[in-house]
C-alpha atoms as a PDB file:
ATOM      1  CA  MET A   1     -15.322   6.513   8.316  1.00  0.00           C
ATOM      2  CA  ASP A   2     -11.874   4.925   6.927  1.00  0.00           C
ATOM      3  CA  VAL A   3     -10.409   3.054   9.542  1.00  0.00           C
ATOM      4  CA  SER A   4      -6.126   3.184   9.372  1.00  0.00           C
ATOM      5  CA  GLN A   5      -3.928   0.554   8.416  1.00  0.00           C
ATOM      6  CA  THR A   6      -2.550   1.006  12.084  1.00  0.00           C
ATOM      7  CA  ASP A   7      -5.836   0.396  13.552  1.00  0.00           C
ATOM      8  CA  ILE A   8      -6.389  -2.809  11.582  1.00  0.00           C
ATOM      9  CA  LEU A   9      -2.875  -4.297  12.381  1.00  0.00           C
ATOM     10  CA  GLU A  10      -3.729  -3.143  16.286  1.00  0.00           C
ATOM     11  CA  ARG A  11      -6.989  -5.203  16.446  1.00  0.00           C
ATOM     12  CA  ALA A  12      -5.400  -8.299  14.425  1.00  0.00           C
ATOM     13  CA  ARG A  13      -2.887  -8.179  17.259  1.00  0.00           C
ATOM     14  CA  THR A  14      -5.333  -7.949  19.996  1.00  0.00           C
ATOM     15  CA  TRP A  15      -7.301 -10.832  18.750  1.00  0.00           C
ATOM     16  CA  ARG A  16      -4.173 -12.779  18.391  1.00  0.00           C
ATOM     17  CA  ARG A  17      -3.050 -11.863  21.967  1.00  0.00           C
ATOM     18  CA  ALA A  18      -6.610 -13.025  23.025  1.00  0.00           C
ATOM     19  CA  GLY A  19      -5.722 -16.450  21.773  1.00  0.00           C
ATOM     20  CA  GLN A  20      -8.389 -16.171  18.836  1.00  0.00           C
ATOM     21  CA  GLY A  21      -7.470 -17.228  15.293  1.00  0.00           C
ATOM     22  CA  VAL A  22      -6.756 -14.512  12.700  1.00  0.00           C
ATOM     23  CA  ALA A  23      -6.473 -14.178   9.228  1.00  0.00           C
ATOM     24  CA  LEU A  24      -5.596 -10.857   7.049  1.00  0.00           C
ATOM     25  CA  ALA A  25      -7.001 -10.269   3.866  1.00  0.00           C
ATOM     26  CA  THR A  26      -5.121  -7.620   1.458  1.00  0.00           C
ATOM     27  CA  VAL A  27      -5.427  -6.442  -2.176  1.00  0.00           C
ATOM     28  CA  VAL A  28      -2.293  -7.293  -4.006  1.00  0.00           C
ATOM     29  CA  ARG A  29      -3.817  -6.419  -7.655  1.00  0.00           C
ATOM     30  CA  THR A  30      -6.425  -4.002  -9.360  1.00  0.00           C
ATOM     31  CA  TRP A  31      -7.406  -3.667 -12.789  1.00  0.00           C
ATOM     32  CA  GLY A  32     -10.082  -0.650 -13.695  1.00  0.00           C
ATOM     33  CA  SER A  33     -12.081   1.253 -11.296  1.00  0.00           C
ATOM     34  CA  SER A  34     -11.677  -1.254  -8.383  1.00  0.00           C
ATOM     35  CA  PRO A  35     -13.229   0.164  -5.253  1.00  0.00           C
ATOM     36  CA  ARG A  36      -9.942  -0.218  -2.813  1.00  0.00           C
ATOM     37  CA  PRO A  37      -6.433   0.380  -3.582  1.00  0.00           C
ATOM     38  CA  VAL A  38      -3.727  -2.148  -3.548  1.00  0.00           C
ATOM     39  CA  GLY A  39      -2.435  -2.947  -0.115  1.00  0.00           C
ATOM     40  CA  SER A  40      -5.710  -2.369   1.668  1.00  0.00           C
ATOM     41  CA  HIS A  41      -6.581  -4.759   4.402  1.00  0.00           C
ATOM     42  CA  LEU A  42      -9.260  -6.531   6.244  1.00  0.00           C
ATOM     43  CA  ALA A  43      -8.621  -8.458   9.443  1.00  0.00           C
ATOM     44  CA  VAL A  44     -11.048 -11.409  10.364  1.00  0.00           C
ATOM     45  CA  GLU A  45     -10.932 -13.192  13.624  1.00  0.00           C
ATOM     46  CA  ALA A  46     -12.355 -16.950  13.622  1.00  0.00           C
ATOM     47  CA  ARG A  47     -16.110 -15.852  14.961  1.00  0.00           C
ATOM     48  CA  GLY A  48     -16.467 -13.464  11.920  1.00  0.00           C
ATOM     49  CA  GLY A  49     -15.479 -10.378  13.423  1.00  0.00           C
ATOM     50  CA  PHE A  50     -13.833  -8.152  11.227  1.00  0.00           C
ATOM     51  CA  VAL A  51     -12.368  -4.517  10.826  1.00  0.00           C
ATOM     52  CA  GLY A  52     -10.981  -2.875   7.570  1.00  0.00           C
ATOM     53  CA  SER A  53     -12.192  -3.411   3.796  1.00  0.00           C
ATOM     54  CA  VAL A  54     -10.710  -4.656   0.546  1.00  0.00           C
ATOM     55  CA  SER A  55     -13.643  -3.242  -1.625  1.00  0.00           C
ATOM     56  CA  GLY A  56     -15.762  -0.958   0.284  1.00  0.00           C
ATOM     57  CA  GLY A  57     -18.229  -3.373   0.860  1.00  0.00           C
ATOM     58  CA  CYS A  58     -18.687  -5.200  -2.431  1.00  0.00           C
ATOM     59  CA  ILE A  59     -17.017  -8.736  -1.704  1.00  0.00           C
ATOM     60  CA  GLU A  60     -16.402  -8.616   2.058  1.00  0.00           C
ATOM     61  CA  GLY A  61     -18.989 -11.188   2.868  1.00  0.00           C
ATOM     62  CA  ALA A  62     -17.235 -13.421   0.549  1.00  0.00           C
ATOM     63  CA  VAL A  63     -13.682 -12.643   1.631  1.00  0.00           C
ATOM     64  CA  ILE A  64     -14.630 -13.081   5.174  1.00  0.00           C
ATOM     65  CA  GLN A  65     -16.080 -16.797   4.671  1.00  0.00           C
ATOM     66  CA  GLU A  66     -12.559 -17.570   2.864  1.00  0.00           C
ATOM     67  CA  ALA A  67     -10.890 -16.004   5.912  1.00  0.00           C
ATOM     68  CA  ILE A  68     -12.348 -18.204   8.006  1.00  0.00           C
ATOM     69  CA  ALA A  69     -11.781 -20.884   6.028  1.00  0.00           C
ATOM     70  CA  THR A  70      -8.167 -20.244   5.733  1.00  0.00           C
ATOM     71  CA  ILE A  71      -7.799 -19.826   9.805  1.00  0.00           C
ATOM     72  CA  ASP A  72      -9.276 -23.395  10.019  1.00  0.00           C
ATOM     73  CA  ASP A  73      -7.002 -25.196   7.569  1.00  0.00           C
ATOM     74  CA  GLY A  74      -4.012 -22.621   7.373  1.00  0.00           C
ATOM     75  CA  GLN A  75      -3.621 -22.723   3.708  1.00  0.00           C
ATOM     76  CA  PRO A  76      -3.452 -19.128   1.965  1.00  0.00           C
ATOM     77  CA  ARG A  77      -5.729 -18.207  -0.525  1.00  0.00           C
ATOM     78  CA  LEU A  78      -5.628 -16.183  -4.022  1.00  0.00           C
ATOM     79  CA  LEU A  79      -9.008 -14.732  -4.610  1.00  0.00           C
ATOM     80  CA  ASP A  80     -10.160 -13.014  -8.015  1.00  0.00           C
ATOM     81  CA  PHE A  81     -12.975 -10.958  -8.249  1.00  0.00           C
ATOM     82  CA  GLY A  82     -14.105  -9.237 -11.673  1.00  0.00           C
ATOM     83  CA  VAL A  83     -17.533  -8.401 -13.446  1.00  0.00           C
ATOM     84  CA  SER A  84     -17.045 -11.111 -15.975  1.00  0.00           C
ATOM     85  CA  ASP A  85     -17.038 -13.780 -13.196  1.00  0.00           C
ATOM     86  CA  GLU A  86     -20.450 -15.097 -11.807  1.00  0.00           C
ATOM     87  CA  GLN A  87     -19.453 -15.096  -7.941  1.00  0.00           C
ATOM     88  CA  ALA A  88     -18.357 -11.504  -8.563  1.00  0.00           C
ATOM     89  CA  TRP A  89     -22.044 -10.493  -9.531  1.00  0.00           C
ATOM     90  CA  GLU A  90     -23.393 -12.375  -6.561  1.00  0.00           C
ATOM     91  CA  VAL A  91     -21.399 -10.554  -4.052  1.00  0.00           C
ATOM     92  CA  GLY A  92     -21.840  -7.222  -5.787  1.00  0.00           C
ATOM     93  CA  LEU A  93     -18.673  -6.114  -7.460  1.00  0.00           C
ATOM     94  CA  ALA A  94     -20.597  -4.086 -10.329  1.00  0.00           C
ATOM     95  CA  CYS A  95     -18.115  -1.202 -10.086  1.00  0.00           C
ATOM     96  CA  GLY A  96     -16.401  -2.293 -13.699  1.00  0.00           C
ATOM     97  CA  GLY A  97     -13.070  -3.410 -12.156  1.00  0.00           C
ATOM     98  CA  LYS A  98     -11.207  -6.181 -10.908  1.00  0.00           C
ATOM     99  CA  VAL A  99      -9.811  -7.017  -7.642  1.00  0.00           C
ATOM    100  CA  GLN A 100      -7.522  -9.676  -6.592  1.00  0.00           C
ATOM    101  CA  VAL A 101      -6.948 -10.479  -2.627  1.00  0.00           C
ATOM    102  CA  TYR A 102      -4.656 -12.496  -0.845  1.00  0.00           C
ATOM    103  CA  VAL A 103      -5.974 -14.350   2.467  1.00  0.00           C
ATOM    104  CA  GLN A 104      -3.006 -15.835   5.330  1.00  0.00           C
ATOM    105  CA  ARG A 105      -3.583 -16.666   8.667  1.00  0.00           C
ATOM    106  CA  VAL A 106      -1.655 -14.820  10.897  1.00  0.00           C
ATOM    107  CA  GLU A 107       0.661 -16.663  12.581  1.00  0.00           C
ATOM    108  CA  GLN A 108       3.205 -14.922  14.598  1.00  0.00           C
ATOM    109  CA  LEU A 109       3.079 -11.935  17.033  1.00  0.00           C
ATOM    110  CA  PRO A 110       6.569 -10.529  16.384  1.00  0.00           C
ATOM    111  CA  ALA A 111       5.768  -9.457  12.947  1.00  0.00           C
ATOM    112  CA  LEU A 112       2.809  -7.409  13.712  1.00  0.00           C
ATOM    113  CA  ASP A 113       4.735  -6.105  16.928  1.00  0.00           C
ATOM    114  CA  ALA A 114       7.632  -4.938  14.379  1.00  0.00           C
ATOM    115  CA  LEU A 115       5.113  -3.486  12.130  1.00  0.00           C
ATOM    116  CA  LEU A 116       3.293  -1.524  14.528  1.00  0.00           C
ATOM    117  CA  ALA A 117       6.369  -0.340  16.353  1.00  0.00           C
ATOM    118  CA  ALA A 118       7.469   1.082  12.930  1.00  0.00           C
ATOM    119  CA  GLN A 119       4.278   2.852  12.632  1.00  0.00           C
ATOM    120  CA  SER A 120       4.492   4.300  16.088  1.00  0.00           C
ATOM    121  CA  GLU A 121       8.288   5.560  15.451  1.00  0.00           C
ATOM    122  CA  ARG A 122       7.219   6.692  11.799  1.00  0.00           C
ATOM    123  CA  ARG A 123       9.732   4.441   9.974  1.00  0.00           C
ATOM    124  CA  ALA A 124       8.832   3.155   6.507  1.00  0.00           C
ATOM    125  CA  ILE A 125       8.866  -0.539   6.907  1.00  0.00           C
ATOM    126  CA  ALA A 126       7.549  -3.651   4.423  1.00  0.00           C
ATOM    127  CA  SER A 127       6.420  -7.240   4.471  1.00  0.00           C
ATOM    128  CA  VAL A 128       7.199  -9.370   1.438  1.00  0.00           C
ATOM    129  CA  THR A 129       5.280 -12.122   0.682  1.00  0.00           C
ATOM    130  CA  ARG A 130       5.495 -15.264  -1.626  1.00  0.00           C
ATOM    131  CA  LEU A 131       1.954 -15.738  -2.747  1.00  0.00           C
ATOM    132  CA  ALA A 132       2.484 -19.587  -3.315  1.00  0.00           C
ATOM    133  CA  ASP A 133       2.890 -20.523   0.187  1.00  0.00           C
ATOM    134  CA  GLY A 134       2.816 -17.329   2.456  1.00  0.00           C
ATOM    135  CA  ALA A 135       6.073 -17.252   3.136  1.00  0.00           C
ATOM    136  CA  SER A 136       7.205 -13.682   4.038  1.00  0.00           C
ATOM    137  CA  CYS A 137       9.702 -11.444   5.757  1.00  0.00           C
ATOM    138  CA  LEU A 138      10.425  -7.647   6.823  1.00  0.00           C
ATOM    139  CA  LEU A 139      12.233  -5.363   5.075  1.00  0.00           C
ATOM    140  CA  PRO A 140      14.691  -3.366   6.064  1.00  0.00           C
ATOM    141  CA  GLU A 141      14.387  -4.969   9.615  1.00  0.00           C
ATOM    142  CA  ALA A 142      14.827  -9.028   9.033  1.00  0.00           C
ATOM    143  CA  ILE A 143      17.569  -8.386   6.129  1.00  0.00           C
ATOM    144  CA  ALA A 144      18.698 -11.901   7.318  1.00  0.00           C
ATOM    145  CA  ALA A 145      15.461 -13.621   6.918  1.00  0.00           C
ATOM    146  CA  ALA A 146      15.361 -11.473   3.238  1.00  0.00           C
ATOM    147  CA  HIS A 147      18.336 -13.128   2.167  1.00  0.00           C
ATOM    148  CA  LEU A 148      16.419 -16.892   2.345  1.00  0.00           C
ATOM    149  CA  LEU A 149      13.516 -15.524   0.449  1.00  0.00           C
ATOM    150  CA  LEU A 150      14.894 -12.913  -1.951  1.00  0.00           C
ATOM    151  CA  SER A 151      17.455 -12.776  -4.447  1.00  0.00           C
ATOM    152  CA  PRO A 152      19.785  -9.728  -4.785  1.00  0.00           C
ATOM    153  CA  GLU A 153      18.019  -8.020  -7.576  1.00  0.00           C
ATOM    154  CA  GLN A 154      14.651  -8.704  -5.527  1.00  0.00           C
ATOM    155  CA  ARG A 155      16.113  -7.015  -2.280  1.00  0.00           C
ATOM    156  CA  GLN A 156      17.313  -3.944  -4.238  1.00  0.00           C
ATOM    157  CA  GLU A 157      13.906  -3.366  -5.857  1.00  0.00           C
ATOM    158  CA  ALA A 158      12.055  -3.810  -2.489  1.00  0.00           C
ATOM    159  CA  LEU A 159      13.806  -1.759  -0.958  1.00  0.00           C
ATOM    160  CA  ALA A 160      13.964   1.004  -3.743  1.00  0.00           C
ATOM    161  CA  ARG A 161       9.937   1.098  -3.467  1.00  0.00           C
ATOM    162  CA  ILE A 162       9.626   0.956   0.511  1.00  0.00           C
ATOM    163  CA  VAL A 163      11.241   4.527  -0.286  1.00  0.00           C
ATOM    164  CA  ALA A 164       8.760   5.022  -3.008  1.00  0.00           C
ATOM    165  CA  ASP A 165       6.003   3.963  -1.003  1.00  0.00           C
ATOM    166  CA  ASP A 166       5.010   1.878  -3.607  1.00  0.00           C
ATOM    167  CA  SER A 167       3.155  -1.322  -2.924  1.00  0.00           C
ATOM    168  CA  GLY A 168       2.471  -4.306  -5.170  1.00  0.00           C
ATOM    169  CA  PRO A 169       3.666  -7.256  -7.021  1.00  0.00           C
ATOM    170  CA  LEU A 170       7.561  -6.909  -7.321  1.00  0.00           C
ATOM    171  CA  ARG A 171       8.083  -6.188 -10.827  1.00  0.00           C
ATOM    172  CA  CYS A 172      11.098  -8.436 -11.128  1.00  0.00           C
ATOM    173  CA  ASP A 173       8.903 -11.366  -9.931  1.00  0.00           C
ATOM    174  CA  ASP A 174       5.268 -10.786  -9.509  1.00  0.00           C
ATOM    175  CA  GLY A 175       4.686 -13.965  -7.505  1.00  0.00           C
ATOM    176  CA  LEU A 176       6.089 -11.877  -4.540  1.00  0.00           C
ATOM    177  CA  PHE A 177       3.904  -9.201  -2.964  1.00  0.00           C
ATOM    178  CA  LEU A 178       5.441  -5.826  -1.381  1.00  0.00           C
ATOM    179  CA  ARG A 179       3.313  -3.981   1.034  1.00  0.00           C
ATOM    180  CA  VAL A 180       4.437  -0.867   2.433  1.00  0.00           C
ATOM    181  CA  TYR A 181       3.986   1.028   5.471  1.00  0.00           C
ATOM    182  CA  ALA A 182       4.852   4.426   5.278  1.00  0.00           C
ATOM    183  CA  PRO A 183       3.941   7.157   8.192  1.00  0.00           C
ATOM    184  CA  ALA A 184       1.876   9.518   7.077  1.00  0.00           C
ATOM    185  CA  PRO A 185       2.677  12.665   5.447  1.00  0.00           C
ATOM    186  CA  ARG A 186       2.807  15.255   7.995  1.00  0.00           C
ATOM    187  CA  MET A 187       0.774  19.028   8.018  1.00  0.00           C
ATOM    188  CA  LEU A 188       1.144  21.675  10.131  1.00  0.00           C
ATOM    189  CA  VAL A 189      -1.557  24.039  10.267  1.00  0.00           C
ATOM    190  CA  VAL A 190      -0.527  27.440  11.723  1.00  0.00           C
ATOM    191  CA  GLY A 191      -3.209  28.828  13.640  1.00  0.00           C
ATOM    192  CA  ALA A 192      -6.308  27.676  15.270  1.00  0.00           C
ATOM    193  CA  VAL A 193      -8.827  29.769  13.142  1.00  0.00           C
ATOM    194  CA  HIS A 194     -12.095  28.968  11.530  1.00  0.00           C
ATOM    195  CA  ILE A 195     -10.284  27.863   8.267  1.00  0.00           C
ATOM    196  CA  ALA A 196      -8.224  25.285  10.259  1.00  0.00           C
ATOM    197  CA  GLN A 197     -11.495  24.003  11.818  1.00  0.00           C
ATOM    198  CA  ALA A 198     -12.605  22.910   8.351  1.00  0.00           C
ATOM    199  CA  LEU A 199      -9.329  21.843   6.867  1.00  0.00           C
ATOM    200  CA  ALA A 200      -7.933  19.541   9.848  1.00  0.00           C
ATOM    201  CA  PRO A 201     -10.772  16.873   9.773  1.00  0.00           C
ATOM    202  CA  MET A 202     -10.434  17.143   5.788  1.00  0.00           C
ATOM    203  CA  ALA A 203      -6.601  16.482   5.849  1.00  0.00           C
ATOM    204  CA  VAL A 204      -7.066  13.624   8.262  1.00  0.00           C
ATOM    205  CA  LEU A 205      -9.443  11.663   6.023  1.00  0.00           C
ATOM    206  CA  ALA A 206      -7.110  12.660   3.271  1.00  0.00           C
ATOM    207  CA  GLY A 207      -4.374  10.560   5.240  1.00  0.00           C
ATOM    208  CA  PHE A 208      -2.154  13.503   6.799  1.00  0.00           C
ATOM    209  CA  ALA A 209      -0.892  13.609  10.339  1.00  0.00           C
ATOM    210  CA  VAL A 210      -2.299  17.186  11.312  1.00  0.00           C
ATOM    211  CA  THR A 211      -0.588  19.562  13.776  1.00  0.00           C
ATOM    212  CA  ILE A 212      -2.177  22.681  14.502  1.00  0.00           C
ATOM    213  CA  ILE A 213      -0.038  25.271  15.973  1.00  0.00           C
ATOM    214  CA  ASP A 214      -1.365  28.020  18.060  1.00  0.00           C
ATOM    215  CA  PRO A 215       0.294  30.662  20.781  1.00  0.00           C
ATOM    216  CA  ARG A 216      -3.139  30.694  22.563  1.00  0.00           C
END
């Protein structure tokens, strides 16, 4: 079963609170029939434990190795995998697409706390990361920090794309990556009947927050 973004962030926070080194790998670009969408996460701890996925299994082994190296030296890494690359064939990315994965060490717990608080309160929030050095800020929370990282044009685009739930490189500067964390859409199912028994689990797998309403 697919692991939710909240589960991945929760596990990363648990590892960090326990004093373990943690890296977060994120799909930042895709081309063709890539296995996982932009924004997909894989959290890795220093001993090799992991949760999440950036490729559905094809390149996880290689990304985990790079994540452990990032935990050790603190340097972010931008990784490319595609069917034309020798390394991609070695790790099994034979689906015909290409994926770019950004790996960075998780340094600060307040950022994870803020992301998870927004998730629990069903508020849209986003992180903006400068891929060159890993500098980041949260929007719309840390607007003061955003002024240091983003130009007015970049902030305007980022805020508009939070509303649209549109993760990806900023169009006005593709060296900045926007990861939007939007609350799951709600589905209200009226009646705990046989159809609801089949519909509810399918809706959860499709990403809905399901509530079943029944007078009994």
